Amino acid sequence: MSYKPNLDIAKMYASFASPICEIDCGEQCRQFNPSGNPFCCDICVAVPVALKEEWTWLKTKTQLWHKLRGDECPTDPIDKEKMKSETPNYMHLMACKGPAFCERDYRTLSCRQFPFSPYITTDDRLIGLTYNWDFEEVCWVISNLDRVREEYRKEFLDIYDNLLFEYPKEYDSYYWLSEDMREHFSNAQRSIPILHRDGNFYLLDPNTDEITSANPSSFPKFGPYR
């Protein structure tokens, strides 16, 4: 008999609803996107995913979402099969109607966490948040980590402490994503910014996992946010 995680999607969504920043970060980046949409809400930039349990719940509550077809970006077709091969089999690739029709109560976890992911050390400790480096050049938040609200950080960690316990496959995915991040930043000879669970900011050595206290206002800025 296969293991089924004990997930209360409605409760998870209600417990992870705080905005990332005091300001609307989407308004800060959309001016640099030719589509006029915030980059995180542009299916042609970032394809969201949903746990299968999320999709089962969402489709009874809203018409906002559909499973990715691959034709959502006519001028820049999405390679659905390639993306599917890179997506865990317990998740669906998703698409929504777009930011003009967003129903915030029904955003997926991947929308709520963007651009962040749990950082798991080589010795299996979830110490805090880091970000998806693929979006450094477009995401305003990545260049303004000091603006991330403490309430958001706490909600993020509360959710993922529980989710990664209930869903071992998700833990494994983030463990290996953290390993990929260490390799990427090591090759680039850069430190990894960490929004630690203790409320402070650190730079992490990707070769040793050692952390050093840091002022987030001194973190690198990217793209048009320099």
Protein backbone atom coordinates (compact mmCIF):
# COMPACT_ATOMS: atom_id res chain seq x y z
CA MET A 1 0.00 0.00 0.00
CA SER A 2 1.49 3.33 -1.07
CA TYR A 3 2.01 6.12 1.45
CA LYS A 4 -0.42 9.04 1.27
CA PRO A 5 0.65 12.29 2.91
CA ASN A 6 -1.72 13.87 5.40
CA LEU A 7 -2.26 17.24 3.76
CA ASP A 8 -5.01 19.73 4.58
CA ILE A 9 -4.73 22.01 1.54
CA ALA A 10 -7.28 24.55 2.78
CA LYS A 11 -5.46 24.89 6.09
CA MET A 12 -2.07 25.14 4.36
CA TYR A 13 -3.28 27.92 2.09
CA ALA A 14 -4.85 29.82 4.98
CA SER A 15 -1.60 29.53 6.95
CA PHE A 16 0.58 30.74 4.09
CA ALA A 17 -1.15 33.86 2.85
CA SER A 18 1.02 36.79 3.94
CA PRO A 19 2.58 38.97 1.24
CA ILE A 20 6.33 38.74 0.79
CA CYS A 21 6.90 42.50 1.17
CA GLU A 22 5.06 45.54 2.44
CA ILE A 23 4.84 46.78 -1.15
CA ASP A 24 3.48 44.99 -4.20
CA CYS A 25 6.66 43.49 -5.62
CA GLY A 26 4.86 42.63 -8.87
CA GLU A 27 4.49 46.34 -9.56
CA GLN A 28 8.26 46.72 -9.21
CA CYS A 29 9.12 44.17 -11.90
CA ARG A 30 6.27 44.24 -14.41
CA GLN A 31 7.61 47.45 -16.00
CA PHE A 32 10.62 45.43 -17.22
CA ASN A 33 8.58 42.58 -18.70
CA PRO A 34 7.46 43.09 -22.33
CA SER A 35 4.19 41.31 -21.51
CA GLY A 36 3.42 43.87 -18.81
CA ASN A 37 2.85 41.09 -16.26
CA PRO A 38 4.88 40.47 -13.12
CA PHE A 39 7.53 37.90 -14.06
CA CYS A 40 6.29 35.45 -11.43
CA CYS A 41 2.79 35.57 -12.95
CA ASP A 42 3.97 35.17 -16.55
CA ILE A 43 3.53 31.57 -17.70
CA CYS A 44 6.10 32.24 -20.44
CA VAL A 45 8.73 32.97 -17.77
CA ALA A 46 7.84 30.70 -14.85
CA VAL A 47 5.58 27.66 -15.11
CA PRO A 48 3.94 26.90 -11.75
CA VAL A 49 3.43 23.41 -10.40
CA ALA A 50 0.95 21.90 -7.98
CA LEU A 51 1.01 18.82 -5.86
CA LYS A 52 -1.55 16.37 -7.18
CA GLU A 53 -3.38 16.77 -3.87
CA GLU A 54 -3.50 20.52 -4.50
CA TRP A 55 -5.00 20.08 -7.95
CA THR A 56 -7.62 17.64 -6.65
CA TRP A 57 -8.69 20.31 -4.15
CA LEU A 58 -8.34 23.35 -6.42
CA LYS A 59 -10.48 22.05 -9.27
CA THR A 60 -13.45 21.76 -6.90
CA LYS A 61 -13.04 25.37 -5.75
CA THR A 62 -12.09 27.52 -8.74
CA GLN A 63 -11.87 27.79 -12.52
CA LEU A 64 -8.63 29.76 -12.26
CA TRP A 65 -6.34 26.83 -13.09
CA HIS A 66 -5.85 24.20 -15.77
CA LYS A 67 -3.12 21.67 -16.34
CA LEU A 68 -0.44 22.98 -18.69
CA ARG A 69 -1.27 22.32 -22.34
CA GLY A 70 1.93 23.76 -23.80
CA ASP A 71 0.27 26.23 -26.16
CA GLU A 72 -0.12 29.04 -23.63
CA CYS A 73 2.76 31.05 -25.17
CA PRO A 74 2.20 31.18 -28.96
CA THR A 75 5.29 33.30 -29.62
CA ASP A 76 7.52 31.21 -27.34
CA PRO A 77 6.15 27.65 -27.27
CA ILE A 78 6.65 25.68 -24.08
CA ASP A 79 8.37 22.33 -24.43
CA LYS A 80 5.81 20.54 -22.32
CA GLU A 81 7.36 17.09 -22.65
CA LYS A 82 10.80 18.32 -21.62
CA MET A 83 9.36 20.18 -18.65
CA LYS A 84 7.28 17.15 -17.69
CA SER A 85 10.39 14.96 -17.71
CA GLU A 86 12.02 17.38 -15.24
CA THR A 87 8.98 17.56 -12.93
CA PRO A 88 8.41 15.09 -10.08
CA ASN A 89 5.66 12.59 -10.86
CA TYR A 90 3.66 13.66 -7.80
CA MET A 91 3.18 17.13 -9.29
CA HIS A 92 1.31 18.66 -12.22
CA LEU A 93 2.56 21.47 -14.43
CA MET A 94 -0.07 24.18 -14.23
CA ALA A 95 -1.27 27.34 -15.94
CA CYS A 96 -3.73 29.98 -14.79
CA LYS A 97 -5.88 32.63 -16.44
CA GLY A 98 -3.28 35.29 -15.66
CA PRO A 99 -2.72 37.99 -13.04
CA ALA A 100 -5.76 40.04 -14.10
CA PHE A 101 -7.95 37.14 -12.97
CA CYS A 102 -5.94 36.02 -9.94
CA GLU A 103 -7.85 34.69 -6.95
CA ARG A 104 -5.28 35.02 -4.19
CA ASP A 105 -6.95 32.49 -1.92
CA TYR A 106 -6.43 29.86 -4.62
CA ARG A 107 -2.80 30.45 -5.49
CA THR A 108 -0.73 27.27 -5.50
CA LEU A 109 2.07 26.73 -3.00
CA SER A 110 4.55 27.29 -5.84
CA CYS A 111 3.04 30.75 -6.41
CA ARG A 112 3.13 31.57 -2.72
CA GLN A 113 6.75 30.51 -2.30
CA PHE A 114 8.16 32.14 -5.46
CA PRO A 115 11.05 32.98 -5.74
CA PHE A 116 12.06 31.05 -2.62
CA SER A 117 12.77 27.44 -1.77
CA PRO A 118 13.77 25.66 1.44
CA TYR A 119 17.52 25.35 1.85
CA ILE A 120 18.61 21.95 3.20
CA THR A 121 22.20 21.43 4.28
CA THR A 122 24.33 18.42 3.43
CA ASP A 123 23.65 17.07 6.92
CA ASP A 124 19.86 17.26 6.50
CA ARG A 125 18.90 20.50 8.24
CA LEU A 126 16.31 22.89 6.83
CA ILE A 127 17.94 26.10 8.03
CA GLY A 128 15.93 28.69 6.13
CA LEU A 129 14.97 30.14 2.78
CA THR A 130 17.06 30.75 -0.28
CA TYR A 131 15.98 31.66 -3.81
CA ASN A 132 15.81 30.14 -7.26
CA TRP A 133 18.89 31.57 -8.98
CA ASP A 134 17.36 31.13 -12.45
CA PHE A 135 15.31 34.27 -11.78
CA GLU A 136 18.05 36.57 -10.48
CA GLU A 137 17.87 38.86 -13.51
CA VAL A 138 14.10 39.38 -13.44
CA CYS A 139 12.78 39.08 -9.87
CA TRP A 140 12.81 42.30 -7.86
CA VAL A 141 12.59 40.44 -4.53
CA ILE A 142 15.88 38.60 -5.16
CA SER A 143 17.61 41.98 -5.38
CA ASN A 144 15.81 43.22 -2.27
CA LEU A 145 15.95 40.39 0.24
CA ASP A 146 16.04 42.88 3.09
CA ARG A 147 12.43 43.76 2.23
CA VAL A 148 11.09 40.26 2.93
CA ARG A 149 8.64 40.38 5.83
CA GLU A 150 9.39 38.34 8.95
CA GLU A 151 5.80 37.09 8.97
CA TYR A 152 6.24 35.67 5.47
CA ARG A 153 9.48 33.95 6.44
CA LYS A 154 7.82 32.35 9.47
CA GLU A 155 4.78 31.16 7.51
CA PHE A 156 7.02 29.73 4.80
CA LEU A 157 9.06 27.71 7.29
CA ASP A 158 6.03 26.54 9.25
CA ILE A 159 4.48 25.19 6.05
CA TYR A 160 7.61 23.50 4.77
CA ASP A 161 8.59 22.05 8.13
CA ASN A 162 5.28 20.21 8.02
CA LEU A 163 5.13 19.49 4.29
CA LEU A 164 8.61 18.01 4.05
CA PHE A 165 7.87 15.80 7.04
CA GLU A 166 4.58 14.56 5.60
CA TYR A 167 5.89 14.29 2.03
CA PRO A 168 9.35 12.62 1.96
CA LYS A 169 9.50 12.90 -1.84
CA GLU A 170 9.25 16.67 -1.52
CA TYR A 171 12.05 16.63 1.04
CA ASP A 172 14.23 14.69 -1.40
CA SER A 173 13.45 17.16 -4.20
CA TYR A 174 14.52 20.14 -2.12
CA TYR A 175 17.55 18.33 -0.77
CA TRP A 176 18.81 17.78 -4.32
CA LEU A 177 17.81 21.30 -5.38
CA SER A 178 19.99 22.59 -2.52
CA GLU A 179 22.79 20.36 -3.76
CA ASP A 180 22.39 21.82 -7.27
CA MET A 181 22.53 25.30 -5.77
CA ARG A 182 25.74 24.50 -3.92
CA GLU A 183 27.31 23.28 -7.15
CA HIS A 184 26.15 26.32 -9.12
CA PHE A 185 27.35 28.85 -6.56
CA SER A 186 30.60 26.99 -5.98
CA ASN A 187 31.37 27.07 -9.70
CA ALA A 188 30.52 30.77 -9.77
CA GLN A 189 32.67 31.35 -6.65
CA ARG A 190 29.74 32.98 -4.88
CA SER A 191 28.17 32.62 -1.45
CA ILE A 192 24.52 31.63 -1.05
CA PRO A 193 22.22 34.16 0.67
CA ILE A 194 20.16 32.56 3.43
CA LEU A 195 17.11 33.95 5.19
CA HIS A 196 17.65 31.88 8.31
CA ARG A 197 14.94 30.49 10.56
CA ASP A 198 16.49 32.45 13.44
CA GLY A 199 15.33 35.67 11.77
CA ASN A 200 18.76 36.79 10.62
CA PHE A 201 20.51 36.90 7.25
CA TYR A 202 23.63 34.92 6.37
CA LEU A 203 25.97 34.11 3.53
CA LEU A 204 26.65 30.40 3.20
CA ASP A 205 29.84 28.87 1.81
CA PRO A 206 28.61 26.34 -0.80
CA ASN A 207 31.68 24.18 -0.26
CA THR A 208 31.32 23.80 3.51
CA ASP A 209 27.78 24.91 4.47
CA GLU A 210 29.36 27.32 6.95
CA ILE A 211 27.37 30.51 7.47
CA THR A 212 28.53 34.05 8.18
CA SER A 213 26.25 36.80 9.44
CA ALA A 214 25.60 39.36 6.71
CA ASN A 215 23.78 42.64 6.10
CA PRO A 216 21.12 41.91 3.45
CA SER A 217 21.38 45.42 2.05
CA SER A 218 24.87 44.45 0.86
CA PHE A 219 23.67 41.38 -1.06
CA PRO A 220 24.16 41.50 -4.84
CA LYS A 221 21.56 43.15 -7.03
CA PHE A 222 20.75 41.97 -10.53
CA GLY A 223 19.34 43.04 -13.87
CA PRO A 224 17.50 46.38 -13.89
CA TYR A 225 17.47 46.48 -10.07
CA ARG A 226 21.18 47.26 -9.72
